[in-house]
């Protein structure tokens, strides 16, 4: 199975953007993500269409299972 951590942010222009992190740690917690996301927002470390992210919205792990056809 493939796992991806997705972190959604609000952007100053009123839109949303998502950061995707492949193969996150199996023990990653919401608190870990919120702490990192708050630092990203505070430092304006991520831009979307030249606008900084303004707030953390949510985080989730997407799991995809691939089954090869025989």
Protein backbone atom coordinates (compact mmCIF):
# COMPACT_ATOMS: atom_id res chain seq x y z
CA UNK A 1 0.00 0.00 0.00
CA UNK A 2 1.11 3.53 -0.73
CA UNK A 3 0.51 6.20 1.89
CA UNK A 4 0.65 9.95 1.48
CA UNK A 5 0.24 12.59 4.17
CA UNK A 6 -1.79 15.52 2.86
CA UNK A 7 -1.79 18.85 4.69
CA UNK A 8 -4.33 21.44 3.58
CA UNK A 9 -3.81 25.17 4.08
CA UNK A 10 -5.87 28.29 3.46
CA UNK A 11 -4.05 30.81 1.27
CA UNK A 12 -4.15 34.61 1.68
CA UNK A 13 -5.91 34.96 -1.69
CA UNK A 14 -8.91 33.00 -0.37
CA UNK A 15 -8.05 29.73 -2.06
CA UNK A 16 -6.66 26.49 -0.61
CA UNK A 17 -3.52 24.49 -1.28
CA UNK A 18 -2.29 21.06 -0.25
CA UNK A 19 1.17 19.76 0.53
CA UNK A 20 1.70 16.05 -0.17
CA UNK A 21 4.34 14.05 1.70
CA UNK A 22 4.87 10.47 0.46
CA UNK A 23 5.57 7.65 2.90
CA UNK A 24 5.00 9.50 6.19
CA UNK A 25 6.22 8.01 9.47
CA UNK A 26 3.80 5.38 10.71
CA UNK A 27 3.61 7.10 14.12
CA UNK A 28 2.98 10.65 12.86
CA UNK A 29 0.27 12.33 14.94
CA UNK A 30 -2.05 15.24 14.36
CA UNK A 31 -0.10 17.19 17.00
CA UNK A 32 3.11 16.67 14.99
CA UNK A 33 1.45 17.95 11.84
CA UNK A 34 -0.22 20.93 13.54
CA UNK A 35 3.09 22.02 15.07
CA UNK A 36 4.83 21.86 11.69
CA UNK A 37 1.92 23.53 9.89
CA UNK A 38 1.83 26.42 12.38
CA UNK A 39 5.53 27.02 11.80
CA UNK A 40 5.03 26.96 8.03
CA UNK A 41 2.26 29.56 8.36
CA UNK A 42 4.20 31.75 10.82
CA UNK A 43 7.29 31.82 8.59
CA UNK A 44 5.28 32.16 5.36
CA UNK A 45 7.41 29.26 4.13
CA UNK A 46 4.97 28.06 1.46
CA UNK A 47 3.56 30.11 -1.40
CA UNK A 48 0.69 29.26 -3.71
CA UNK A 49 0.36 31.45 -6.79
CA UNK A 50 2.76 33.89 -5.08
CA UNK A 51 0.52 34.13 -1.99
CA UNK A 52 1.61 32.77 1.39
CA UNK A 53 -0.44 30.19 3.24
CA UNK A 54 -2.43 31.82 6.03
CA UNK A 55 -3.87 28.97 8.12
CA UNK A 56 -3.78 25.23 8.65
CA UNK A 57 -7.07 23.59 7.66
CA UNK A 58 -6.70 19.82 8.05
CA UNK A 59 -4.41 16.84 7.59
CA UNK A 60 -5.07 13.26 6.60
CA UNK A 61 -3.33 10.17 5.29
CA UNK A 62 -4.43 8.81 1.93
CA UNK A 63 -3.84 5.08 1.50
CA UNK A 64 -3.84 3.50 -1.94
CA UNK A 65 -3.69 -0.19 -2.50
CA UNK A 66 -2.53 -1.34 -5.90
CA UNK A 67 -3.36 -4.78 -7.20
CA UNK A 68 -1.70 -5.81 -10.41
CA UNK A 69 -3.93 -7.60 -12.88
CA UNK A 70 -2.87 -11.07 -13.92
